[in-house]
Amino acid sequence: MGFTFPSNGSTGSDPYKFLIYGRTGWIGGLLGKLCESQSIEYIYGSGRLENRQSLELDLETIKPTHVFNAAGVTGRPNVDWCESHKVETIRTNVVGTLNLADVCRERGLILINYATGCIFEYDDVHQLGSGVGYIEEDIPNFIGSFYSKTKAMVEDLLRNYDNVCTLRVRMPISSDLANPRNFITKISRYEKVVDIPNSMTILDELLPISIEMAKRNLTGIWNFTNPGVVSHNEILEMYKIYIDPNFTWKNFTLEEQAKVIVAQRSNNEMDGGKLKREFPELLPIKESLIHYVFKPNQKTPVA
């Protein structure tokens, strides 16, 4: 039996009620605040993703119009954790996500799933600096970390679920520069950084778009990044201009980086055409960085 879209979002006749998983996570917490600011009723799920019965109980009790999955294992302090905790990573990122997608489909509910775009790497077709980005139909080609392997695996399986909206988030950034999960905060604290252009996700701009995507009942895979790429050095140069004129940093090569990390890191450009067509107001990555992140935090006068 095919999936039937919920009437709540498409007709606007009933109020929305969002069920969110990932209460203690960064994105999950921000989603709750966004719902409050938009007067959208929301509840955080109490069930655990790997426990199907607890998810079914949540859905039966709460009766949401849409479900958001912002839960998952990324590892603390970074994805290297997943290399030594493989079963725990599979349990949440694969088994748990599939559980949630499946129980939602049984009840005719759309699942907005915050996934990752760190499942690709530059190659001969998508060369660094070429401007040729990976599209939604491309098959993941990065297997340098166990985290990315699990995310690529579940994305492939979720292609079969017509009720799932998969959002490929990359190197998420927000205006909260105190948050240790913020990509800017991370690299500003590193002793050395690599300098590679990448597609990235400005949460201040894109998370509200994900709520709108739920209201539009959009499904399928989406590159959930701002158009274009930005390098580590370009971000830190902005940081120096807008935040701390005394800030300095050092670069090192990918070969040097490999000596101090356990798992490889993904570097790629995602094609933002699909999302831009749906949301024409979406800003290019560098403009979005300045508008949503650096200007609100500006501490130094800019000539």
Protein backbone atom coordinates (compact mmCIF):
# COMPACT_ATOMS: atom_id res chain seq x y z
CA MET A 1 0.00 0.00 0.00
CA GLY A 2 1.41 3.38 -1.00
CA PHE A 3 2.12 6.25 1.34
CA THR A 4 -0.64 8.86 1.73
CA PHE A 5 0.37 12.43 2.50
CA PRO A 6 -1.08 13.89 5.70
CA SER A 7 -3.91 16.34 5.15
CA ASN A 8 -2.80 18.63 7.99
CA GLY A 9 0.07 20.25 6.14
CA SER A 10 -1.45 20.33 2.69
CA THR A 11 -4.79 21.91 3.56
CA GLY A 12 -3.83 24.19 6.40
CA SER A 13 -7.18 23.34 8.03
CA ASP A 14 -5.63 21.81 11.14
CA PRO A 15 -2.86 23.05 13.42
CA TYR A 16 0.56 21.49 13.16
CA LYS A 17 1.93 19.31 15.90
CA PHE A 18 5.58 18.37 15.52
CA LEU A 19 7.18 15.41 17.25
CA ILE A 20 10.93 15.98 17.55
CA TYR A 21 13.64 13.46 18.41
CA GLY A 22 16.99 14.78 19.61
CA ARG A 23 16.01 16.95 22.56
CA THR A 24 19.53 17.10 24.00
CA GLY A 25 21.18 17.67 20.63
CA TRP A 26 22.14 20.95 19.03
CA ILE A 27 19.73 20.85 16.09
CA GLY A 28 16.95 19.34 18.19
CA GLY A 29 17.22 22.15 20.72
CA LEU A 30 17.20 24.82 18.02
CA LEU A 31 14.13 23.23 16.42
CA GLY A 32 12.20 23.57 19.67
CA LYS A 33 13.07 27.26 19.91
CA LEU A 34 12.00 27.81 16.30
CA CYS A 35 8.67 26.12 16.94
CA GLU A 36 8.12 28.37 19.94
CA SER A 37 8.92 31.48 17.91
CA GLN A 38 6.42 30.39 15.23
CA SER A 39 3.77 29.27 17.77
CA ILE A 40 3.92 25.71 16.45
CA GLU A 41 2.92 23.02 18.92
CA TYR A 42 5.79 20.58 19.43
CA ILE A 43 6.73 17.76 21.76
CA TYR A 44 10.05 16.00 22.20
CA GLY A 45 9.82 12.24 21.82
CA SER A 46 10.60 10.19 24.90
CA GLY A 47 11.09 6.91 23.06
CA ARG A 48 14.49 5.62 22.05
CA LEU A 49 15.07 5.18 18.34
CA GLU A 50 16.34 1.62 18.69
CA ASN A 51 13.17 0.64 20.62
CA ARG A 52 10.37 0.34 18.07
CA GLN A 53 7.66 -0.14 20.70
CA SER A 54 8.60 3.10 22.44
CA LEU A 55 8.36 4.98 19.13
CA GLU A 56 4.95 3.49 18.43
CA LEU A 57 3.80 4.59 21.88
CA ASP A 58 5.00 8.15 21.20
CA LEU A 59 3.12 8.32 17.92
CA GLU A 60 -0.03 6.86 19.40
CA THR A 61 0.03 9.17 22.42
CA ILE A 62 1.13 12.42 20.76
CA LYS A 63 -0.59 12.03 17.36
CA PRO A 64 1.78 14.42 15.53
CA THR A 65 1.25 15.84 12.06
CA HIS A 66 4.97 15.57 11.23
CA VAL A 67 8.02 13.94 12.81
CA PHE A 68 11.55 15.35 12.91
CA ASN A 69 14.63 13.23 13.56
CA ALA A 70 17.54 15.27 14.89
CA ALA A 71 18.87 12.38 16.97
CA GLY A 72 21.94 10.42 16.03
CA VAL A 73 25.49 9.55 16.94
CA THR A 74 28.20 11.87 15.67
CA GLY A 75 30.70 11.12 18.42
CA ARG A 76 32.21 13.25 21.14
CA PRO A 77 34.38 15.18 20.82
CA ASN A 78 34.30 14.18 17.11
CA VAL A 79 33.59 11.35 14.68
CA ASP A 80 36.74 9.50 15.75
CA TRP A 81 34.61 8.16 18.65
CA CYS A 82 32.56 6.12 16.19
CA GLU A 83 35.63 4.16 15.09
CA SER A 84 35.81 2.49 18.52
CA HIS A 85 32.04 2.38 19.19
CA LYS A 86 30.75 0.78 16.01
CA VAL A 87 27.81 -1.16 17.46
CA GLU A 88 26.52 1.90 19.31
CA THR A 89 26.83 3.93 16.10
CA ILE A 90 24.92 1.33 14.06
CA ARG A 91 22.22 1.01 16.71
CA THR A 92 21.28 4.68 16.53
CA ASN A 93 22.29 5.83 13.04
CA VAL A 94 21.02 2.81 11.14
CA VAL A 95 18.63 0.67 13.20
CA GLY A 96 17.09 3.61 15.04
CA THR A 97 16.58 5.80 12.00
CA LEU A 98 15.02 2.94 10.02
CA ASN A 99 12.72 2.15 12.95
CA LEU A 100 11.47 5.72 13.02
CA ALA A 101 11.00 5.92 9.25
CA ASP A 102 9.08 2.66 9.26
CA VAL A 103 6.68 3.45 12.11
CA CYS A 104 6.03 6.87 10.56
CA ARG A 105 5.22 5.32 7.19
CA GLU A 106 2.80 2.88 8.81
CA ARG A 107 0.88 5.89 10.15
CA GLY A 108 1.07 8.04 7.02
CA LEU A 109 3.49 10.54 8.58
CA ILE A 110 6.29 12.46 6.93
CA LEU A 111 9.67 12.18 8.62
CA ILE A 112 12.08 15.08 8.27
CA ASN A 113 15.45 13.40 8.78
CA TYR A 114 18.55 15.50 9.40
CA ALA A 115 21.25 13.46 7.71
CA THR A 116 24.72 14.37 6.43
CA GLY A 117 26.47 15.35 3.23
CA CYS A 118 29.78 14.04 4.63
CA ILE A 119 29.37 10.94 2.49
CA PHE A 120 31.17 12.33 -0.57
CA GLU A 121 34.69 13.42 -1.41
CA TYR A 122 36.22 15.33 -4.30
CA ASP A 123 37.00 13.06 -7.26
CA ASP A 124 37.86 13.25 -10.97
CA VAL A 125 34.33 14.30 -11.90
CA HIS A 126 33.74 16.57 -8.89
CA GLN A 127 37.15 18.22 -8.67
CA LEU A 128 38.08 20.75 -6.03
CA GLY A 129 37.51 24.23 -7.42
CA SER A 130 35.60 23.00 -10.48
CA GLY A 131 32.19 24.19 -9.30
CA VAL A 132 30.74 20.77 -10.11
CA GLY A 133 28.89 19.60 -7.02
CA TYR A 134 27.28 16.33 -6.05
CA ILE A 135 23.56 16.15 -6.79
CA GLU A 136 20.87 14.36 -4.81
CA GLU A 137 20.90 11.31 -7.09
CA ASP A 138 24.64 10.68 -6.66
CA ILE A 139 25.76 7.59 -4.78
CA PRO A 140 28.07 8.23 -1.78
CA ASN A 141 31.76 7.64 -2.47
CA PHE A 142 33.41 8.53 0.86
CA ILE A 143 34.20 5.62 3.15
CA GLY A 144 36.98 7.19 5.20
CA SER A 145 35.08 7.08 8.49
CA PHE A 146 32.74 4.57 10.10
CA TYR A 147 30.31 7.40 10.87
CA SER A 148 30.04 8.26 7.18
CA LYS A 149 29.65 4.58 6.26
CA THR A 150 26.61 4.25 8.51
CA LYS A 151 25.07 7.48 7.22
CA ALA A 152 25.57 6.45 3.59
CA MET A 153 24.06 3.06 4.34
CA VAL A 154 20.92 4.44 5.91
CA GLU A 155 20.49 7.08 3.20
CA ASP A 156 20.49 4.35 0.56
CA LEU A 157 17.88 2.35 2.45
CA LEU A 158 15.71 5.41 3.09
CA ARG A 159 15.45 5.99 -0.67
CA ASN A 160 12.82 3.25 -0.52
CA TYR A 161 10.67 5.18 1.98
CA ASP A 162 8.46 7.66 0.16
CA ASN A 163 7.52 9.40 3.42
CA VAL A 164 11.06 10.53 4.30
CA CYS A 165 12.64 13.91 3.62
CA THR A 166 16.41 13.40 3.92
CA LEU A 167 18.35 16.60 4.53
CA ARG A 168 22.10 16.36 3.86
CA VAL A 169 23.60 18.74 6.44
CA ARG A 170 27.31 19.65 6.14
CA MET A 171 29.68 21.28 8.63
CA PRO A 172 26.81 23.09 10.41
CA ILE A 173 27.33 26.71 11.48
CA SER A 174 25.16 28.97 13.63
CA SER A 175 25.30 32.46 15.05
CA ASP A 176 25.98 30.95 18.48
CA LEU A 177 29.76 31.15 18.46
CA ALA A 178 29.95 29.76 21.99
CA ASN A 179 28.53 26.39 20.95
CA PRO A 180 31.31 23.78 20.71
CA ARG A 181 29.41 21.96 17.94
CA ASN A 182 29.55 25.06 15.72
CA PHE A 183 32.03 24.52 12.87
CA ILE A 184 33.41 28.04 13.28
CA THR A 185 33.92 27.51 16.99
CA LYS A 186 35.66 24.21 16.33
CA ILE A 187 38.19 25.48 13.80
CA SER A 188 38.84 28.71 15.72
CA ARG A 189 40.06 26.55 18.62
CA TYR A 190 42.19 24.15 16.61
CA GLU A 191 45.94 24.54 16.81
CA LYS A 192 46.11 24.05 13.04
CA VAL A 193 43.50 23.79 10.28
CA VAL A 194 43.44 22.51 6.73
CA ASP A 195 42.28 24.99 4.09
CA ILE A 196 39.81 23.32 1.75
CA PRO A 197 36.65 24.76 0.14
CA ASN A 198 33.52 22.92 1.31
CA SER A 199 29.76 23.17 1.15
CA MET A 200 28.32 24.08 4.54
CA THR A 201 24.99 24.59 6.31
CA ILE A 202 24.06 27.89 7.99
CA LEU A 203 21.51 26.70 10.53
CA ASP A 204 20.05 30.16 11.21
CA GLU A 205 18.86 30.26 7.61
CA LEU A 206 18.24 26.61 6.83
CA LEU A 207 16.48 25.25 9.93
CA PRO A 208 13.47 27.54 9.37
CA ILE A 209 13.45 26.26 5.79
CA SER A 210 13.27 22.68 7.08
CA ILE A 211 10.10 23.58 8.99
CA GLU A 212 8.66 25.05 5.82
CA MET A 213 9.63 21.86 3.97
CA ALA A 214 7.56 19.89 6.47
CA LYS A 215 4.60 22.21 5.92
CA ARG A 216 4.94 21.66 2.15
CA ASN A 217 5.13 17.89 2.68
CA LEU A 218 8.39 17.66 0.73
CA THR A 219 10.10 14.28 0.63
CA GLY A 220 13.14 12.71 -1.01
CA ILE A 221 16.81 13.63 -0.69
CA TRP A 222 17.92 17.26 -0.49
CA ASN A 223 21.39 18.78 -0.33
CA PHE A 224 20.76 20.90 2.74
CA THR A 225 23.56 23.41 2.26
CA ASN A 226 23.86 27.01 1.16
CA PRO A 227 24.85 27.40 -2.51
CA GLY A 228 28.58 27.51 -3.21
CA VAL A 229 31.63 26.66 -1.12
CA VAL A 230 33.79 28.42 1.45
CA SER A 231 37.24 27.49 2.73
CA HIS A 232 38.46 27.26 6.30
CA ASN A 233 40.78 30.22 5.78
CA GLU A 234 37.99 32.37 4.33
CA ILE A 235 35.87 31.71 7.41
CA LEU A 236 38.72 32.50 9.77
CA GLU A 237 39.49 35.67 7.84
CA MET A 238 35.87 36.76 8.40
CA TYR A 239 36.25 35.83 12.06
CA LYS A 240 39.31 38.06 12.28
CA ILE A 241 37.52 40.96 10.56
CA TYR A 242 34.24 40.85 12.45
CA ILE A 243 35.05 39.23 15.79
CA ASP A 244 38.69 39.35 16.85
CA PRO A 245 41.27 41.45 14.97
CA ASN A 246 44.06 39.75 16.95
CA PHE A 247 43.04 36.25 15.94
CA THR A 248 45.69 34.14 14.20
CA TRP A 249 45.80 30.58 12.93
CA LYS A 250 48.10 28.10 11.27
CA ASN A 251 47.48 25.75 8.38
CA PHE A 252 48.65 22.23 7.78
CA THR A 253 48.23 19.74 4.95
CA LEU A 254 45.84 16.82 4.69
CA GLU A 255 48.83 14.53 5.13
CA GLU A 256 49.79 16.30 8.35
CA GLN A 257 46.17 16.25 9.55
CA ALA A 258 45.97 12.50 8.96
CA LYS A 259 48.64 11.98 11.61
CA VAL A 260 46.49 13.48 14.39
CA ILE A 261 43.05 12.04 13.56
CA VAL A 262 41.73 8.48 13.58
CA ALA A 263 39.14 8.72 10.80
CA GLN A 264 39.47 10.60 7.54
CA ARG A 265 37.35 13.72 7.01
CA SER A 266 35.04 14.35 4.08
CA ASN A 267 35.64 17.36 1.80
CA ASN A 268 33.23 18.07 -1.03
CA GLU A 269 30.96 20.48 -2.88
CA MET A 270 27.21 19.81 -2.91
CA ASP A 271 25.05 21.09 -5.75
CA GLY A 272 22.50 23.45 -4.20
CA GLY A 273 20.29 23.83 -7.25
CA LYS A 274 17.34 21.74 -6.06
CA LEU A 275 16.96 23.57 -2.74
CA LYS A 276 17.53 26.97 -4.38
CA ARG A 277 14.76 26.31 -6.88
CA GLU A 278 12.35 25.47 -4.07
CA PHE A 279 13.52 28.40 -1.93
CA PRO A 280 14.83 31.15 -4.25
CA GLU A 281 15.58 33.43 -1.29
CA LEU A 282 18.37 31.09 -0.08
CA LEU A 283 21.65 33.01 0.22
CA PRO A 284 25.04 31.83 -1.11
CA ILE A 285 27.26 30.48 1.64
CA LYS A 286 29.57 33.50 2.02
CA GLU A 287 26.69 35.99 2.05
CA SER A 288 24.79 33.86 4.53
CA LEU A 289 27.84 33.66 6.81
CA ILE A 290 28.11 37.43 6.97
CA HIS A 291 24.37 38.10 7.25
CA TYR A 292 23.38 35.42 9.78
CA VAL A 293 26.58 34.76 11.71
CA PHE A 294 29.22 37.46 11.64
CA LYS A 295 27.23 40.70 11.53
CA PRO A 296 25.00 39.69 14.49
CA ASN A 297 28.18 38.91 16.45
CA GLN A 298 30.24 41.81 15.13
CA LYS A 299 32.66 43.23 17.69
CA THR A 300 35.05 45.25 15.57
CA PRO A 301 34.34 48.08 13.09
CA VAL A 302 34.64 47.02 9.48
CA ALA A 303 36.02 49.55 7.03
